[in-house]
Structure formats: structure tokens, C-alpha cells
Amino acid sequence: MPKTPSPCIDVCKFKRGGHCIGCSMTKEQKSMFKSLKKEKHQHAFIDMLVSQQAHLGKFGHWSDAYRAKCRKKGAPNPLEALTSGEV
């Protein structure tokens, strides 16, 4: 089974108070995600990121781009678990 892809959608422009305009992560958060080995920790991180985006606003395009990235890599989409309440 393919591993959970990074929430990064390859925009990587850090404005908005140090948050990427594509995925809303800071450089520190990007490094942190790479260090997470357990799938449940990665999914919890993505859940936190979705909440962060809702708080910061203007990141509505991210979920569609991340779904496409997961589909392209053949990986399960952690966002689907969030919407179904499995996480």
C-alpha cells in the first residue's frame, strides 16, 4: 500500500506570516511531517492542517489539489477518512 503523501502541493511560497500560500504549512511543519513515520500520526497531522487552513482562510483550493496528488500516487486519501469520521 502506498504511503500517505505529504500535504505539500508543490507551491512553496511562504507569505501569510510564514505559511505557504499553497498548503498553509510553515517550513517547520513541512519538516515535521517528513519525520512522522506512523500513518495515524500523519493522518492526525493532516487533520490539524485542515483545521489550521479553516482558521487562516483562503486555502480552499488545497483539498482538491491534495486529492489529485493522492489519486496520482495511488495512495488512500486521508481527507476521505476525515469526512467519514474514521480518524
N, C-alpha and C. Protein backbone atom coordinates (compact mmCIF):
# COMPACT_ATOMS: atom_id res chain seq x y z
N MET A 1 0.85 -1.18 0.00
CA MET A 1 0.00 0.00 0.00
C MET A 1 0.90 1.24 0.00
N PRO A 2 0.64 2.21 -0.90
CA PRO A 2 1.45 3.43 -0.95
C PRO A 2 1.31 4.23 0.35
N LYS A 3 2.39 4.92 0.72
CA LYS A 3 2.35 5.70 1.95
C LYS A 3 1.57 7.00 1.73
N THR A 4 1.16 7.60 2.82
CA THR A 4 0.42 8.85 2.78
C THR A 4 1.29 9.96 2.21
N PRO A 5 0.85 10.61 1.13
CA PRO A 5 1.65 11.69 0.56
C PRO A 5 1.69 12.92 1.48
N SER A 6 2.73 13.68 1.35
CA SER A 6 2.85 14.94 2.08
C SER A 6 1.71 15.87 1.69
N PRO A 7 1.23 16.65 2.64
CA PRO A 7 0.18 17.63 2.33
C PRO A 7 0.67 18.76 1.42
N CYS A 8 1.97 18.85 1.20
CA CYS A 8 2.53 19.87 0.33
C CYS A 8 2.04 19.64 -1.09
N ILE A 9 1.58 20.72 -1.75
CA ILE A 9 1.10 20.60 -3.14
C ILE A 9 2.06 21.31 -4.10
N ASP A 10 3.30 21.48 -3.68
CA ASP A 10 4.39 21.99 -4.51
C ASP A 10 4.21 23.42 -5.00
N VAL A 11 3.65 24.27 -4.16
CA VAL A 11 3.59 25.70 -4.45
C VAL A 11 4.78 26.38 -3.77
N CYS A 12 4.94 26.13 -2.48
CA CYS A 12 6.09 26.55 -1.67
C CYS A 12 6.45 28.03 -1.79
N LYS A 13 5.49 28.87 -1.55
CA LYS A 13 5.69 30.31 -1.44
C LYS A 13 5.26 30.71 -0.03
N PHE A 14 6.23 31.09 0.78
CA PHE A 14 5.96 31.36 2.19
C PHE A 14 5.69 32.85 2.40
N LYS A 15 4.42 33.16 2.47
CA LYS A 15 3.98 34.52 2.77
C LYS A 15 3.04 34.37 3.96
N ARG A 16 2.02 35.10 4.06
CA ARG A 16 1.00 34.94 5.11
C ARG A 16 1.58 34.56 6.47
N GLY A 17 2.49 35.34 6.96
CA GLY A 17 3.05 35.08 8.29
C GLY A 17 3.88 33.81 8.36
N GLY A 18 4.58 33.47 7.28
CA GLY A 18 5.42 32.29 7.26
C GLY A 18 4.72 31.01 6.83
N HIS A 19 3.46 31.10 6.44
CA HIS A 19 2.70 29.95 5.97
C HIS A 19 2.71 29.91 4.45
N CYS A 20 2.84 28.71 3.89
CA CYS A 20 2.82 28.52 2.44
C CYS A 20 1.45 28.92 1.89
N ILE A 21 1.46 29.61 0.76
CA ILE A 21 0.18 30.02 0.16
C ILE A 21 -0.54 28.85 -0.50
N GLY A 22 0.14 27.70 -0.67
CA GLY A 22 -0.48 26.53 -1.28
C GLY A 22 -1.12 25.59 -0.29
N CYS A 23 -0.38 25.26 0.78
CA CYS A 23 -0.86 24.23 1.71
C CYS A 23 -1.07 24.73 3.14
N SER A 24 -0.63 25.95 3.43
CA SER A 24 -0.72 26.61 4.74
C SER A 24 0.31 26.13 5.76
N MET A 25 1.18 25.21 5.39
CA MET A 25 2.20 24.75 6.34
C MET A 25 3.35 25.75 6.43
N THR A 26 3.98 25.80 7.58
CA THR A 26 5.23 26.54 7.75
C THR A 26 6.37 25.61 7.35
N LYS A 27 7.56 26.15 7.22
CA LYS A 27 8.72 25.31 6.90
C LYS A 27 8.94 24.27 7.99
N GLU A 28 8.72 24.65 9.24
CA GLU A 28 8.88 23.71 10.35
C GLU A 28 7.86 22.58 10.28
N GLN A 29 6.64 22.90 9.91
CA GLN A 29 5.61 21.87 9.79
C GLN A 29 5.93 20.91 8.65
N LYS A 30 6.48 21.42 7.54
CA LYS A 30 6.86 20.54 6.44
C LYS A 30 7.92 19.55 6.89
N SER A 31 8.90 20.03 7.65
CA SER A 31 9.93 19.14 8.18
C SER A 31 9.34 18.13 9.15
N MET A 32 8.40 18.59 9.98
CA MET A 32 7.78 17.71 10.97
C MET A 32 7.03 16.58 10.28
N PHE A 33 6.27 16.88 9.22
CA PHE A 33 5.52 15.83 8.54
C PHE A 33 6.46 14.75 8.00
N LYS A 34 7.60 15.17 7.47
CA LYS A 34 8.57 14.21 6.92
C LYS A 34 9.09 13.27 8.00
N SER A 35 9.12 13.72 9.25
CA SER A 35 9.65 12.89 10.33
C SER A 35 8.61 11.93 10.92
N LEU A 36 7.34 12.12 10.58
CA LEU A 36 6.28 11.25 11.10
C LEU A 36 6.31 9.91 10.37
N LYS A 37 6.46 8.84 11.09
CA LYS A 37 6.57 7.51 10.47
C LYS A 37 5.25 6.74 10.50
N LYS A 38 4.47 6.91 11.56
CA LYS A 38 3.22 6.14 11.68
C LYS A 38 2.11 6.83 10.90
N GLU A 39 1.35 6.01 10.18
CA GLU A 39 0.26 6.54 9.37
C GLU A 39 -0.76 7.30 10.20
N LYS A 40 -1.05 6.82 11.41
CA LYS A 40 -2.05 7.51 12.24
C LYS A 40 -1.53 8.90 12.65
N HIS A 41 -0.22 9.05 12.81
CA HIS A 41 0.34 10.36 13.14
C HIS A 41 0.25 11.29 11.93
N GLN A 42 0.50 10.74 10.75
CA GLN A 42 0.39 11.53 9.52
C GLN A 42 -1.04 12.00 9.31
N HIS A 43 -1.99 11.11 9.56
CA HIS A 43 -3.40 11.46 9.40
C HIS A 43 -3.81 12.52 10.43
N ALA A 44 -3.31 12.41 11.66
CA ALA A 44 -3.60 13.41 12.69
C ALA A 44 -3.01 14.76 12.29
N PHE A 45 -1.83 14.74 11.69
CA PHE A 45 -1.20 15.97 11.22
C PHE A 45 -2.06 16.63 10.14
N ILE A 46 -2.56 15.82 9.21
CA ILE A 46 -3.40 16.35 8.13
C ILE A 46 -4.70 16.91 8.70
N ASP A 47 -5.25 16.26 9.72
CA ASP A 47 -6.45 16.76 10.39
C ASP A 47 -6.15 18.14 11.00
N MET A 48 -4.98 18.27 11.64
CA MET A 48 -4.58 19.54 12.23
C MET A 48 -4.43 20.60 11.13
N LEU A 49 -3.88 20.19 9.99
CA LEU A 49 -3.66 21.11 8.89
C LEU A 49 -4.99 21.63 8.32
N VAL A 50 -5.97 20.76 8.22
CA VAL A 50 -7.30 21.16 7.74
C VAL A 50 -7.89 22.20 8.70
N SER A 51 -7.74 21.98 9.99
CA SER A 51 -8.24 22.95 10.98
C SER A 51 -7.48 24.27 10.87
N GLN A 52 -6.18 24.18 10.68
CA GLN A 52 -5.35 25.37 10.53
C GLN A 52 -5.78 26.18 9.31
N GLN A 53 -6.05 25.48 8.21
CA GLN A 53 -6.48 26.16 6.99
C GLN A 53 -7.82 26.86 7.18
N ALA A 54 -8.72 26.22 7.89
CA ALA A 54 -10.02 26.82 8.14
C ALA A 54 -9.86 28.10 8.96
N HIS A 55 -8.92 28.08 9.89
CA HIS A 55 -8.68 29.25 10.74
C HIS A 55 -8.01 30.37 9.95
N LEU A 56 -7.05 30.01 9.09
CA LEU A 56 -6.32 31.02 8.32
C LEU A 56 -7.12 31.53 7.12
N GLY A 57 -8.01 30.69 6.59
CA GLY A 57 -8.81 31.06 5.43
C GLY A 57 -8.00 31.05 4.14
N LYS A 58 -8.67 31.18 3.03
CA LYS A 58 -8.07 31.29 1.70
C LYS A 58 -7.29 30.07 1.23
N PHE A 59 -7.54 28.90 1.75
CA PHE A 59 -6.85 27.70 1.31
C PHE A 59 -7.83 26.66 0.76
N GLY A 60 -8.95 27.10 0.25
CA GLY A 60 -9.99 26.19 -0.26
C GLY A 60 -9.53 25.32 -1.41
N HIS A 61 -8.57 25.79 -2.19
CA HIS A 61 -8.07 25.03 -3.33
C HIS A 61 -7.21 23.84 -2.93
N TRP A 62 -6.68 23.86 -1.72
CA TRP A 62 -5.74 22.83 -1.28
C TRP A 62 -6.36 21.44 -1.29
N SER A 63 -7.56 21.29 -0.77
CA SER A 63 -8.15 19.94 -0.66
C SER A 63 -8.30 19.28 -2.02
N ASP A 64 -8.69 20.03 -3.04
CA ASP A 64 -8.81 19.45 -4.39
C ASP A 64 -7.44 19.05 -4.93
N ALA A 65 -6.44 19.91 -4.73
CA ALA A 65 -5.09 19.61 -5.20
C ALA A 65 -4.51 18.40 -4.48
N TYR A 66 -4.79 18.28 -3.17
CA TYR A 66 -4.27 17.14 -2.40
C TYR A 66 -4.97 15.84 -2.80
N ARG A 67 -6.26 15.91 -3.06
CA ARG A 67 -6.98 14.71 -3.54
C ARG A 67 -6.38 14.22 -4.86
N ALA A 68 -6.10 15.16 -5.75
CA ALA A 68 -5.50 14.79 -7.04
C ALA A 68 -4.11 14.18 -6.84
N LYS A 69 -3.33 14.71 -5.90
CA LYS A 69 -2.00 14.18 -5.62
C LYS A 69 -2.10 12.74 -5.11
N CYS A 70 -3.01 12.49 -4.19
CA CYS A 70 -3.20 11.13 -3.65
C CYS A 70 -3.63 10.17 -4.76
N ARG A 71 -4.56 10.61 -5.59
CA ARG A 71 -5.04 9.78 -6.69
C ARG A 71 -3.90 9.44 -7.64
N LYS A 72 -3.07 10.43 -7.98
CA LYS A 72 -1.95 10.23 -8.90
C LYS A 72 -0.94 9.24 -8.33
N LYS A 73 -0.72 9.28 -7.02
CA LYS A 73 0.24 8.38 -6.38
C LYS A 73 -0.38 7.03 -6.02
N GLY A 74 -1.69 6.88 -6.22
CA GLY A 74 -2.36 5.63 -5.89
C GLY A 74 -2.47 5.38 -4.40
N ALA A 75 -2.44 6.46 -3.64
CA ALA A 75 -2.48 6.35 -2.18
C ALA A 75 -3.88 6.69 -1.67
N PRO A 76 -4.26 6.09 -0.54
CA PRO A 76 -5.55 6.46 0.06
C PRO A 76 -5.51 7.93 0.48
N ASN A 77 -6.63 8.58 0.37
CA ASN A 77 -6.72 9.99 0.71
C ASN A 77 -7.16 10.15 2.16
N PRO A 78 -6.30 10.69 3.04
CA PRO A 78 -6.68 10.87 4.45
C PRO A 78 -7.86 11.80 4.62
N LEU A 79 -8.13 12.67 3.66
CA LEU A 79 -9.26 13.58 3.76
C LEU A 79 -10.58 12.82 3.74
N GLU A 80 -10.60 11.68 3.04
CA GLU A 80 -11.82 10.87 2.99
C GLU A 80 -12.15 10.32 4.38
N ALA A 81 -11.12 9.94 5.12
CA ALA A 81 -11.35 9.45 6.49
C ALA A 81 -11.86 10.56 7.38
N LEU A 82 -11.40 11.79 7.15
CA LEU A 82 -11.87 12.92 7.96
C LEU A 82 -13.35 13.19 7.72
N THR A 83 -13.77 13.13 6.46
CA THR A 83 -15.16 13.42 6.15
C THR A 83 -16.09 12.30 6.60
N SER A 84 -15.56 11.08 6.70
CA SER A 84 -16.41 9.96 7.14
C SER A 84 -16.33 9.75 8.64
N GLY A 85 -15.43 10.51 9.32
CA GLY A 85 -15.33 10.41 10.77
C GLY A 85 -14.51 9.24 11.27
N GLU A 86 -13.68 8.63 10.42
CA GLU A 86 -12.89 7.47 10.83
C GLU A 86 -11.65 7.85 11.61
N VAL A 87 -11.16 9.08 11.49
CA VAL A 87 -9.92 9.48 12.16
C VAL A 87 -10.23 10.00 13.53
